N, C-alpha and C. Protein backbone atom coordinates (compact mmCIF):
# COMPACT_ATOMS: atom_id res chain seq x y z
N UNK A 1 36.81 137.96 -113.09
CA UNK A 1 35.73 138.13 -112.14
C UNK A 1 35.50 136.85 -111.34
N UNK A 2 35.49 135.72 -112.03
CA UNK A 2 35.27 134.45 -111.38
C UNK A 2 36.37 134.15 -110.36
N UNK A 3 37.60 134.51 -110.69
CA UNK A 3 38.71 134.31 -109.76
C UNK A 3 38.53 135.16 -108.52
N UNK A 4 38.03 136.36 -108.69
CA UNK A 4 37.78 137.25 -107.56
C UNK A 4 36.71 136.68 -106.65
N UNK A 5 35.64 136.15 -107.24
CA UNK A 5 34.56 135.53 -106.46
C UNK A 5 35.09 134.31 -105.72
N UNK A 6 35.90 133.50 -106.42
CA UNK A 6 36.47 132.32 -105.77
C UNK A 6 37.42 132.71 -104.64
N UNK A 7 38.20 133.77 -104.87
CA UNK A 7 39.15 134.23 -103.85
C UNK A 7 38.44 134.65 -102.57
N UNK A 8 37.29 135.30 -102.71
CA UNK A 8 36.56 135.82 -101.56
C UNK A 8 35.29 135.03 -101.27
N UNK A 9 35.24 133.79 -101.69
CA UNK A 9 34.02 132.99 -101.51
C UNK A 9 33.64 132.83 -100.04
N UNK A 10 34.62 132.67 -99.15
CA UNK A 10 34.28 132.52 -97.74
C UNK A 10 33.69 133.80 -97.17
N UNK A 11 34.18 134.94 -97.61
CA UNK A 11 33.64 136.23 -97.15
C UNK A 11 32.24 136.43 -97.69
N UNK A 12 32.06 136.11 -98.97
CA UNK A 12 30.74 136.25 -99.59
C UNK A 12 29.75 135.32 -98.91
N UNK A 13 30.17 134.05 -98.65
CA UNK A 13 29.30 133.10 -97.96
C UNK A 13 28.92 133.63 -96.58
N UNK A 14 29.90 134.18 -95.83
CA UNK A 14 29.64 134.73 -94.50
C UNK A 14 28.58 135.83 -94.59
N UNK A 15 28.78 136.77 -95.51
CA UNK A 15 27.86 137.91 -95.62
C UNK A 15 26.45 137.45 -95.96
N UNK A 16 26.32 136.57 -96.96
CA UNK A 16 24.99 136.12 -97.36
C UNK A 16 24.33 135.25 -96.29
N UNK A 17 25.11 134.41 -95.63
CA UNK A 17 24.54 133.59 -94.55
C UNK A 17 24.09 134.48 -93.40
N UNK A 18 24.95 135.43 -93.01
CA UNK A 18 24.60 136.33 -91.91
C UNK A 18 23.35 137.13 -92.25
N UNK A 19 23.36 137.79 -93.40
CA UNK A 19 22.21 138.62 -93.78
C UNK A 19 20.94 137.80 -93.97
N UNK A 20 21.07 136.65 -94.63
CA UNK A 20 19.90 135.79 -94.84
C UNK A 20 19.29 135.32 -93.54
N UNK A 21 20.15 134.84 -92.63
CA UNK A 21 19.67 134.38 -91.33
C UNK A 21 19.05 135.53 -90.55
N UNK A 22 19.74 136.66 -90.54
CA UNK A 22 19.24 137.82 -89.78
C UNK A 22 17.88 138.26 -90.32
N UNK A 23 17.77 138.39 -91.63
CA UNK A 23 16.50 138.84 -92.21
C UNK A 23 15.37 137.84 -91.95
N UNK A 24 15.66 136.54 -92.07
CA UNK A 24 14.65 135.52 -91.82
C UNK A 24 14.19 135.54 -90.36
N UNK A 25 15.14 135.56 -89.43
CA UNK A 25 14.77 135.56 -88.00
C UNK A 25 14.08 136.86 -87.60
N UNK A 26 14.54 137.99 -88.15
CA UNK A 26 13.88 139.27 -87.86
C UNK A 26 12.46 139.28 -88.40
N UNK A 27 12.26 138.71 -89.58
CA UNK A 27 10.92 138.62 -90.16
C UNK A 27 10.01 137.76 -89.28
N UNK A 28 10.51 136.60 -88.86
CA UNK A 28 9.72 135.72 -87.99
C UNK A 28 9.40 136.40 -86.66
N UNK A 29 10.36 137.10 -86.10
CA UNK A 29 10.14 137.80 -84.84
C UNK A 29 9.10 138.92 -85.02
N UNK A 30 9.19 139.64 -86.11
CA UNK A 30 8.20 140.69 -86.37
C UNK A 30 6.81 140.12 -86.59
N UNK A 31 6.72 138.97 -87.25
CA UNK A 31 5.42 138.30 -87.40
C UNK A 31 4.87 137.91 -86.03
N UNK A 32 5.74 137.39 -85.16
CA UNK A 32 5.32 137.05 -83.79
C UNK A 32 4.77 138.30 -83.09
N UNK A 33 5.49 139.42 -83.17
CA UNK A 33 5.06 140.64 -82.50
C UNK A 33 3.73 141.16 -83.06
N UNK A 34 3.58 141.11 -84.37
CA UNK A 34 2.36 141.61 -85.00
C UNK A 34 1.14 140.74 -84.71
N UNK A 35 1.36 139.46 -84.50
CA UNK A 35 0.24 138.54 -84.32
C UNK A 35 0.01 138.12 -82.88
N UNK A 36 0.82 138.62 -81.95
CA UNK A 36 0.66 138.22 -80.55
C UNK A 36 -0.46 139.03 -79.92
N UNK A 37 -1.42 138.34 -79.35
CA UNK A 37 -2.49 139.00 -78.59
C UNK A 37 -2.77 138.16 -77.35
N UNK A 38 -2.75 138.83 -76.22
CA UNK A 38 -3.04 138.16 -74.97
C UNK A 38 -3.35 139.21 -73.92
N UNK A 39 -4.39 138.99 -73.18
CA UNK A 39 -4.70 139.89 -72.08
C UNK A 39 -3.80 139.62 -70.88
N UNK A 40 -3.32 138.39 -70.77
CA UNK A 40 -2.52 137.99 -69.62
C UNK A 40 -1.05 138.41 -69.75
N UNK A 41 -0.51 138.38 -70.97
CA UNK A 41 0.91 138.66 -71.18
C UNK A 41 1.07 139.89 -72.07
N UNK A 42 0.90 141.05 -71.47
CA UNK A 42 1.00 142.30 -72.20
C UNK A 42 2.41 142.84 -72.06
N UNK A 43 3.02 143.42 -73.04
CA UNK A 43 2.60 143.65 -74.41
C UNK A 43 2.80 142.44 -75.32
N UNK A 44 3.75 141.59 -74.99
CA UNK A 44 3.93 140.30 -75.65
C UNK A 44 4.55 139.37 -74.61
N UNK A 45 4.52 138.09 -74.88
CA UNK A 45 4.96 137.11 -73.88
C UNK A 45 6.42 137.33 -73.44
N UNK A 46 7.32 137.49 -74.39
CA UNK A 46 8.74 137.61 -74.06
C UNK A 46 9.03 138.88 -73.26
N UNK A 47 8.50 140.00 -73.68
CA UNK A 47 8.72 141.26 -72.96
C UNK A 47 8.11 141.17 -71.56
N UNK A 48 6.95 140.57 -71.45
CA UNK A 48 6.30 140.39 -70.15
C UNK A 48 7.15 139.51 -69.23
N UNK A 49 7.69 138.43 -69.78
CA UNK A 49 8.54 137.53 -69.01
C UNK A 49 9.80 138.25 -68.53
N UNK A 50 10.42 139.02 -69.40
CA UNK A 50 11.61 139.79 -69.01
C UNK A 50 11.26 140.77 -67.89
N UNK A 51 10.11 141.40 -67.98
CA UNK A 51 9.68 142.33 -66.92
C UNK A 51 9.50 141.60 -65.59
N UNK A 52 8.84 140.45 -65.64
CA UNK A 52 8.65 139.66 -64.41
C UNK A 52 9.97 139.21 -63.80
N UNK A 53 10.88 138.75 -64.63
CA UNK A 53 12.17 138.28 -64.12
C UNK A 53 13.02 139.44 -63.61
N UNK A 54 12.92 140.59 -64.24
CA UNK A 54 13.63 141.78 -63.76
C UNK A 54 13.06 142.22 -62.40
N UNK A 55 11.75 142.13 -62.29
CA UNK A 55 11.08 142.44 -61.02
C UNK A 55 11.59 141.52 -59.92
N UNK A 56 11.70 140.23 -60.21
CA UNK A 56 12.18 139.26 -59.22
C UNK A 56 13.63 139.55 -58.83
N UNK A 57 14.43 139.95 -59.79
CA UNK A 57 15.83 140.24 -59.49
C UNK A 57 15.96 141.46 -58.57
N UNK A 58 15.24 142.52 -58.89
CA UNK A 58 15.29 143.73 -58.05
C UNK A 58 14.73 143.43 -56.66
N UNK A 59 13.69 142.64 -56.60
CA UNK A 59 13.12 142.23 -55.31
C UNK A 59 14.13 141.44 -54.49
N UNK A 60 14.88 140.56 -55.15
CA UNK A 60 15.90 139.77 -54.45
C UNK A 60 17.02 140.65 -53.90
N UNK A 61 17.15 141.85 -54.43
CA UNK A 61 18.16 142.79 -53.94
C UNK A 61 17.64 143.60 -52.75
N UNK A 62 16.41 143.29 -52.32
CA UNK A 62 15.86 143.92 -51.12
C UNK A 62 14.99 145.13 -51.35
N UNK A 63 14.60 145.38 -52.58
CA UNK A 63 13.75 146.53 -52.88
C UNK A 63 12.31 146.09 -53.04
N UNK A 64 11.39 147.00 -52.72
CA UNK A 64 9.98 146.79 -52.98
C UNK A 64 9.76 147.17 -54.43
N UNK A 65 9.42 146.21 -55.25
CA UNK A 65 9.34 146.45 -56.68
C UNK A 65 8.06 145.86 -57.24
N UNK A 66 7.54 146.51 -58.26
CA UNK A 66 6.38 145.97 -58.96
C UNK A 66 6.44 146.41 -60.41
N UNK A 67 5.82 145.62 -61.25
CA UNK A 67 5.66 146.00 -62.65
C UNK A 67 4.18 146.25 -62.89
N UNK A 68 3.93 147.19 -63.77
CA UNK A 68 2.56 147.52 -64.15
C UNK A 68 2.50 147.64 -65.66
N UNK A 69 1.36 147.31 -66.20
CA UNK A 69 1.15 147.49 -67.63
C UNK A 69 1.21 148.97 -67.96
N UNK A 70 1.84 149.28 -69.06
CA UNK A 70 1.89 150.67 -69.52
C UNK A 70 0.83 150.96 -70.57
N UNK A 71 -0.21 150.09 -70.62
CA UNK A 71 -1.28 150.23 -71.60
C UNK A 71 -1.80 151.66 -71.62
N UNK A 72 -2.00 152.27 -72.75
CA UNK A 72 -2.08 151.73 -74.10
C UNK A 72 -0.72 151.61 -74.81
N UNK A 73 0.35 152.14 -74.20
CA UNK A 73 1.67 151.93 -74.78
C UNK A 73 2.06 150.46 -74.61
N UNK A 74 2.85 149.95 -75.52
CA UNK A 74 3.29 148.56 -75.46
C UNK A 74 4.51 148.47 -74.53
N UNK A 75 4.29 148.73 -73.25
CA UNK A 75 5.37 148.74 -72.27
C UNK A 75 4.91 148.13 -70.95
N UNK A 76 5.89 147.81 -70.14
CA UNK A 76 5.66 147.48 -68.74
C UNK A 76 6.42 148.53 -67.94
N UNK A 77 5.80 149.04 -66.89
CA UNK A 77 6.45 150.05 -66.05
C UNK A 77 7.06 149.35 -64.84
N UNK A 78 8.32 149.66 -64.56
CA UNK A 78 9.02 149.09 -63.43
C UNK A 78 9.08 150.13 -62.32
N UNK A 79 8.51 149.79 -61.18
CA UNK A 79 8.44 150.71 -60.04
C UNK A 79 9.33 150.15 -58.92
N UNK A 80 10.19 151.00 -58.36
CA UNK A 80 11.04 150.62 -57.24
C UNK A 80 10.66 151.50 -56.06
N UNK A 81 10.25 150.86 -54.96
CA UNK A 81 9.80 151.57 -53.77
C UNK A 81 8.77 152.65 -54.11
N UNK A 82 7.86 152.29 -55.00
CA UNK A 82 6.77 153.19 -55.38
C UNK A 82 7.14 154.24 -56.41
N UNK A 83 8.39 154.30 -56.83
CA UNK A 83 8.81 155.31 -57.82
C UNK A 83 9.01 154.65 -59.19
N UNK A 84 8.47 155.30 -60.20
CA UNK A 84 8.67 154.83 -61.56
C UNK A 84 10.14 155.02 -61.93
N UNK A 85 10.80 153.94 -62.38
CA UNK A 85 12.22 154.07 -62.77
C UNK A 85 12.47 153.68 -64.23
N UNK A 86 11.62 152.83 -64.81
CA UNK A 86 11.91 152.40 -66.17
C UNK A 86 10.69 151.86 -66.88
N UNK A 87 10.72 152.01 -68.19
CA UNK A 87 9.75 151.36 -69.06
C UNK A 87 10.46 150.18 -69.71
N UNK A 88 9.87 149.03 -69.62
CA UNK A 88 10.41 147.86 -70.31
C UNK A 88 9.60 147.69 -71.58
N UNK A 89 10.26 147.92 -72.69
CA UNK A 89 9.61 147.84 -74.00
C UNK A 89 10.11 146.59 -74.73
N UNK A 90 9.53 146.33 -75.89
CA UNK A 90 9.93 145.17 -76.68
C UNK A 90 11.43 145.15 -76.92
N UNK A 91 12.05 146.29 -77.15
CA UNK A 91 13.49 146.36 -77.40
C UNK A 91 14.34 145.98 -76.21
N UNK A 92 13.73 145.90 -75.03
CA UNK A 92 14.47 145.54 -73.80
C UNK A 92 14.52 144.04 -73.58
N UNK A 93 13.86 143.25 -74.40
CA UNK A 93 13.78 141.82 -74.12
C UNK A 93 14.94 141.01 -74.69
N UNK A 94 15.88 141.66 -75.35
CA UNK A 94 17.10 141.06 -75.90
C UNK A 94 16.86 140.15 -77.10
N UNK A 95 15.64 140.05 -77.59
CA UNK A 95 15.36 139.17 -78.74
C UNK A 95 16.16 139.60 -79.96
N UNK A 96 16.19 140.90 -80.25
CA UNK A 96 16.91 141.35 -81.45
C UNK A 96 18.41 141.11 -81.31
N UNK A 97 18.93 141.21 -80.10
CA UNK A 97 20.36 140.96 -79.88
C UNK A 97 20.65 139.47 -80.03
N UNK A 98 19.76 138.63 -79.54
CA UNK A 98 19.93 137.18 -79.69
C UNK A 98 19.83 136.79 -81.17
N UNK A 99 18.95 137.42 -81.92
CA UNK A 99 18.85 137.18 -83.36
C UNK A 99 20.16 137.55 -84.05
N UNK A 100 20.74 138.66 -83.68
CA UNK A 100 22.02 139.09 -84.22
C UNK A 100 23.11 138.06 -83.89
N UNK A 101 23.13 137.59 -82.65
CA UNK A 101 24.10 136.60 -82.21
C UNK A 101 23.95 135.29 -82.99
N UNK A 102 22.73 134.80 -83.11
CA UNK A 102 22.48 133.55 -83.84
C UNK A 102 22.90 133.69 -85.30
N UNK A 103 22.61 134.83 -85.90
CA UNK A 103 22.99 135.06 -87.30
C UNK A 103 24.50 134.99 -87.48
N UNK A 104 25.22 135.59 -86.57
CA UNK A 104 26.68 135.53 -86.62
C UNK A 104 27.17 134.10 -86.45
N UNK A 105 26.57 133.39 -85.50
CA UNK A 105 27.00 132.02 -85.24
C UNK A 105 26.79 131.12 -86.46
N UNK A 106 25.68 131.25 -87.13
CA UNK A 106 25.41 130.42 -88.30
C UNK A 106 26.29 130.82 -89.48
N UNK A 107 26.66 132.11 -89.54
CA UNK A 107 27.57 132.55 -90.60
C UNK A 107 28.98 132.04 -90.36
N UNK A 108 29.35 131.83 -89.11
CA UNK A 108 30.66 131.29 -88.74
C UNK A 108 30.49 129.84 -88.30
N UNK A 109 29.77 129.10 -89.07
CA UNK A 109 29.41 127.73 -88.73
C UNK A 109 30.65 126.85 -88.61
N UNK A 110 30.78 126.24 -87.44
CA UNK A 110 31.83 125.25 -87.23
C UNK A 110 31.20 123.88 -87.31
N UNK A 111 31.65 122.97 -86.48
CA UNK A 111 31.03 121.67 -86.40
C UNK A 111 29.61 121.88 -85.87
N UNK A 112 28.63 121.19 -86.47
CA UNK A 112 27.23 121.44 -86.15
C UNK A 112 26.92 121.35 -84.66
N UNK A 113 27.36 120.29 -84.03
CA UNK A 113 27.03 120.08 -82.62
C UNK A 113 27.63 121.20 -81.76
N UNK A 114 28.89 121.51 -81.99
CA UNK A 114 29.56 122.57 -81.21
C UNK A 114 28.89 123.92 -81.46
N UNK A 115 28.56 124.19 -82.73
CA UNK A 115 27.93 125.46 -83.06
C UNK A 115 26.56 125.59 -82.39
N UNK A 116 25.76 124.54 -82.47
CA UNK A 116 24.42 124.59 -81.87
C UNK A 116 24.49 124.71 -80.35
N UNK A 117 25.38 123.96 -79.72
CA UNK A 117 25.52 124.06 -78.26
C UNK A 117 25.99 125.45 -77.84
N UNK A 118 26.97 125.97 -78.54
CA UNK A 118 27.50 127.30 -78.21
C UNK A 118 26.45 128.38 -78.48
N UNK A 119 25.71 128.22 -79.57
CA UNK A 119 24.65 129.19 -79.89
C UNK A 119 23.57 129.19 -78.81
N UNK A 120 23.17 128.01 -78.38
CA UNK A 120 22.16 127.92 -77.32
C UNK A 120 22.70 128.51 -76.01
N UNK A 121 23.90 128.10 -75.61
CA UNK A 121 24.50 128.61 -74.37
C UNK A 121 24.70 130.12 -74.45
N UNK A 122 25.17 130.61 -75.58
CA UNK A 122 25.37 132.05 -75.75
C UNK A 122 24.07 132.82 -75.67
N UNK A 123 23.01 132.27 -76.26
CA UNK A 123 21.70 132.93 -76.21
C UNK A 123 21.19 133.01 -74.77
N UNK A 124 21.39 131.94 -74.00
CA UNK A 124 20.99 131.94 -72.58
C UNK A 124 21.82 132.97 -71.82
N UNK A 125 23.11 133.03 -72.08
CA UNK A 125 23.98 134.01 -71.40
C UNK A 125 23.53 135.43 -71.73
N UNK A 126 23.21 135.69 -72.98
CA UNK A 126 22.74 137.02 -73.37
C UNK A 126 21.43 137.35 -72.66
N UNK A 127 20.51 136.40 -72.62
CA UNK A 127 19.22 136.61 -71.98
C UNK A 127 19.39 136.91 -70.49
N UNK A 128 20.20 136.11 -69.80
CA UNK A 128 20.42 136.31 -68.36
C UNK A 128 21.15 137.62 -68.11
N UNK A 129 22.15 137.92 -68.93
CA UNK A 129 22.86 139.20 -68.81
C UNK A 129 21.88 140.35 -68.94
N UNK A 130 20.93 140.22 -69.85
CA UNK A 130 19.94 141.26 -70.04
C UNK A 130 19.06 141.47 -68.81
N UNK A 131 18.68 140.37 -68.15
CA UNK A 131 17.87 140.49 -66.93
C UNK A 131 18.67 141.23 -65.85
N UNK A 132 19.93 140.84 -65.69
CA UNK A 132 20.80 141.53 -64.72
C UNK A 132 20.97 142.99 -65.10
N UNK A 133 21.12 143.25 -66.39
CA UNK A 133 21.28 144.63 -66.88
C UNK A 133 20.07 145.48 -66.51
N UNK A 134 18.88 144.97 -66.76
CA UNK A 134 17.66 145.73 -66.46
C UNK A 134 17.53 145.93 -64.95
N UNK A 135 17.73 144.86 -64.18
CA UNK A 135 17.61 144.96 -62.73
C UNK A 135 18.60 145.93 -62.12
N UNK A 136 19.86 145.82 -62.53
CA UNK A 136 20.88 146.73 -61.99
C UNK A 136 20.66 148.17 -62.45
N UNK A 137 20.19 148.32 -63.68
CA UNK A 137 19.90 149.67 -64.17
C UNK A 137 18.74 150.28 -63.39
N UNK A 138 17.72 149.49 -63.10
CA UNK A 138 16.58 150.01 -62.33
C UNK A 138 17.02 150.47 -60.95
N UNK A 139 17.84 149.66 -60.28
CA UNK A 139 18.34 150.05 -58.96
C UNK A 139 19.26 151.27 -59.08
N UNK A 140 20.10 151.27 -60.10
CA UNK A 140 20.99 152.41 -60.32
C UNK A 140 20.22 153.70 -60.54
N UNK A 141 19.16 153.62 -61.35
CA UNK A 141 18.35 154.82 -61.60
C UNK A 141 17.61 155.25 -60.34
N UNK A 142 17.14 154.29 -59.55
CA UNK A 142 16.46 154.61 -58.30
C UNK A 142 17.42 155.29 -57.32
N UNK A 143 18.60 154.70 -57.16
CA UNK A 143 19.57 155.22 -56.18
C UNK A 143 20.29 156.48 -56.67
N UNK A 144 20.53 156.57 -57.96
CA UNK A 144 21.29 157.69 -58.52
C UNK A 144 20.56 158.26 -59.74
N UNK A 145 19.41 158.89 -59.52
CA UNK A 145 18.61 159.36 -60.66
C UNK A 145 19.34 160.37 -61.54
N UNK A 146 20.32 161.06 -60.98
CA UNK A 146 21.07 162.04 -61.78
C UNK A 146 21.93 161.36 -62.85
N UNK A 147 22.17 160.06 -62.72
CA UNK A 147 22.95 159.31 -63.71
C UNK A 147 22.08 158.43 -64.62
N UNK A 148 20.79 158.66 -64.60
CA UNK A 148 19.86 157.83 -65.38
C UNK A 148 20.22 157.82 -66.86
N UNK A 149 20.49 158.97 -67.42
CA UNK A 149 20.81 159.04 -68.84
C UNK A 149 22.08 158.25 -69.15
N UNK A 150 23.12 158.42 -68.36
CA UNK A 150 24.38 157.69 -68.56
C UNK A 150 24.16 156.18 -68.43
N UNK A 151 23.42 155.78 -67.40
CA UNK A 151 23.18 154.35 -67.18
C UNK A 151 22.42 153.74 -68.35
N UNK A 152 21.39 154.44 -68.83
CA UNK A 152 20.54 153.89 -69.87
C UNK A 152 21.18 153.93 -71.25
N UNK A 153 21.92 154.98 -71.55
CA UNK A 153 22.42 155.14 -72.92
C UNK A 153 23.86 154.67 -73.12
N UNK A 154 24.65 154.58 -72.04
CA UNK A 154 26.06 154.21 -72.22
C UNK A 154 26.44 152.96 -71.42
N UNK A 155 26.29 153.01 -70.13
CA UNK A 155 26.82 151.94 -69.27
C UNK A 155 26.16 150.59 -69.55
N UNK A 156 24.86 150.53 -69.52
CA UNK A 156 24.21 149.24 -69.62
C UNK A 156 24.08 148.71 -71.06
N UNK A 157 23.99 149.56 -72.09
CA UNK A 157 24.14 149.01 -73.45
C UNK A 157 25.54 148.40 -73.65
N UNK A 158 26.54 149.04 -73.04
CA UNK A 158 27.90 148.51 -73.13
C UNK A 158 27.98 147.12 -72.52
N UNK A 159 27.23 146.88 -71.45
CA UNK A 159 27.23 145.56 -70.81
C UNK A 159 26.69 144.50 -71.76
N UNK A 160 25.53 144.74 -72.35
CA UNK A 160 24.91 143.71 -73.19
C UNK A 160 25.67 143.52 -74.49
N UNK A 161 26.07 144.61 -75.13
CA UNK A 161 26.82 144.47 -76.38
C UNK A 161 28.24 143.96 -76.12
N UNK A 162 28.80 144.30 -74.99
CA UNK A 162 30.10 143.77 -74.60
C UNK A 162 30.05 142.26 -74.40
N UNK A 163 28.98 141.78 -73.79
CA UNK A 163 28.81 140.34 -73.59
C UNK A 163 28.71 139.62 -74.93
N UNK A 164 27.96 140.19 -75.86
CA UNK A 164 27.83 139.58 -77.19
C UNK A 164 29.18 139.58 -77.90
N UNK A 165 29.88 140.67 -77.83
CA UNK A 165 31.20 140.75 -78.47
C UNK A 165 32.15 139.71 -77.89
N UNK A 166 32.17 139.57 -76.57
CA UNK A 166 33.04 138.56 -75.95
C UNK A 166 32.66 137.15 -76.37
N UNK A 167 31.36 136.88 -76.46
CA UNK A 167 30.92 135.56 -76.93
C UNK A 167 31.39 135.31 -78.36
N UNK A 168 31.33 136.34 -79.21
CA UNK A 168 31.81 136.20 -80.58
C UNK A 168 33.31 135.93 -80.62
N UNK A 169 34.07 136.67 -79.82
CA UNK A 169 35.53 136.49 -79.80
C UNK A 169 35.87 135.07 -79.36
N UNK A 170 35.22 134.60 -78.31
CA UNK A 170 35.47 133.23 -77.84
C UNK A 170 35.12 132.23 -78.94
N UNK A 171 34.00 132.45 -79.65
CA UNK A 171 33.62 131.53 -80.72
C UNK A 171 34.65 131.55 -81.85
N UNK A 172 35.15 132.71 -82.22
CA UNK A 172 36.15 132.78 -83.29
C UNK A 172 37.41 132.02 -82.89
N UNK A 173 37.79 132.09 -81.63
CA UNK A 173 38.94 131.32 -81.14
C UNK A 173 38.64 129.82 -81.26
N UNK A 174 37.46 129.42 -80.83
CA UNK A 174 37.06 128.00 -80.93
C UNK A 174 36.98 127.58 -82.40
N UNK A 175 36.36 128.42 -83.21
CA UNK A 175 36.17 128.13 -84.64
C UNK A 175 37.50 127.97 -85.34
N UNK A 176 38.43 128.86 -85.05
CA UNK A 176 39.74 128.77 -85.73
C UNK A 176 40.46 127.48 -85.34
N UNK A 177 40.26 127.00 -84.12
CA UNK A 177 40.86 125.73 -83.71
C UNK A 177 40.17 124.56 -84.43
N UNK A 178 38.86 124.66 -84.67
CA UNK A 178 38.14 123.61 -85.38
C UNK A 178 38.61 123.50 -86.82
N UNK A 179 38.93 124.62 -87.43
CA UNK A 179 39.37 124.63 -88.81
C UNK A 179 40.76 123.97 -88.94
N UNK A 180 41.61 124.20 -87.94
CA UNK A 180 42.96 123.65 -87.97
C UNK A 180 42.97 122.13 -87.83
N UNK A 181 41.94 121.57 -87.17
CA UNK A 181 41.90 120.11 -86.97
C UNK A 181 41.19 119.40 -88.08
């Protein structure tokens, strides 16, 4: 049994590091969500910020856009040219995806400085990709409402998860080179 544990120690370490980091960060994020109260930043600061930045992106594309509180629901409503096109909820702010990314990065820990820089840069890339995803999806739903379901459930989740997957692949390539040196 001990030989088996030793043989797969790197896999076991990866799994426990990934799960431990993920559970800790998810717990901290849930505590933030449960304890966040603000009249100015509804429903929470991060979701509100994502809604504002998505609004700015759609506006920069030449559309008349506004966000409105979806109170009493914990949402922000995104309106394009006066038409409701999307609800921005807590799940749209990419926090859970960034937590997943960070957990993977710490489980595949390379040199500390390289890992931390890549983790930070990757988190920013995921966040920015998410803003573009929401903005483009809002315009897509406005222009092509018949494809709203496809855009929301297939095309744009593929964009954000595809970006995370590519970041992971690039890190594994970098990580494997760090191990060889």
